[in-house]
């Protein structure tokens, strides 16, 4: 009998987002959202479809996981509220996985991976990690940066893997700076890192919830779960409403 837990993972930090239902590391059902449709319009039906596809009921879920931020303020609230409601009703443990951690995990093994997520107005959320087969290590803290500050923060690193929606949208910026500094810039075709030095752009990953699930499984095995009540979003920066209020 398979003793691996059934995990439902939600990722609503990005446009579209994704859902991943697994037993341990084995995928049971997945869904990727539509970037033009609000998470609130599809998340419950997508969860239900995943459960039906796997032949499971909500009560069969043993661990709930979600991307806990940074990311879309509205998206994060929808995903976390949904997860908290389900976990509290079923009395199940939760794991909140930082979005940038999941993005770094998605790019595969690397000594230095910079995960980037759009933060609006051309700015990004950024954090650097080292990624091995069984460990993800944070090499700095998550930050909200302008493109100029992003380059300033990581310009001294001659070998980096860049990954995430923010890296894809800032491809030209990264490539142009690398060329100016005679740093090799390569757009990888696969997730597995190669041995090339220089800057590498990892390909886009559609179902980020799969990486949320993998990290949640690891944290659960280490006894690092949370209750539904204790799960909180990490926005990294204040919302526009909070910023505007501070000026009043």
Foldseek 3Di string as FASTA:
>chain_A
DQPAFWEWEWEQQEQQTKIFTARQLHTQDIDTGHSVDHCVVPVVVRVVVSCVSNVHDLLRHAEYEYAQDDGDPVRNVVVLVVRLVSCVVNVHWYYHHHLQQLFQVQLAADQWEKEWDDDPPQKIWIFIWGDDPQDIGTPDDIAIGHLVVVCVVCVVAFFYEYTDPSCVVCVVVQVVVCVVVVRDEEEDPASYDDPDGGYYYDDHDRHSRSSRSNVRSSCVVVVNIHHSVPRHHDNNDDDPVVVVVVVD
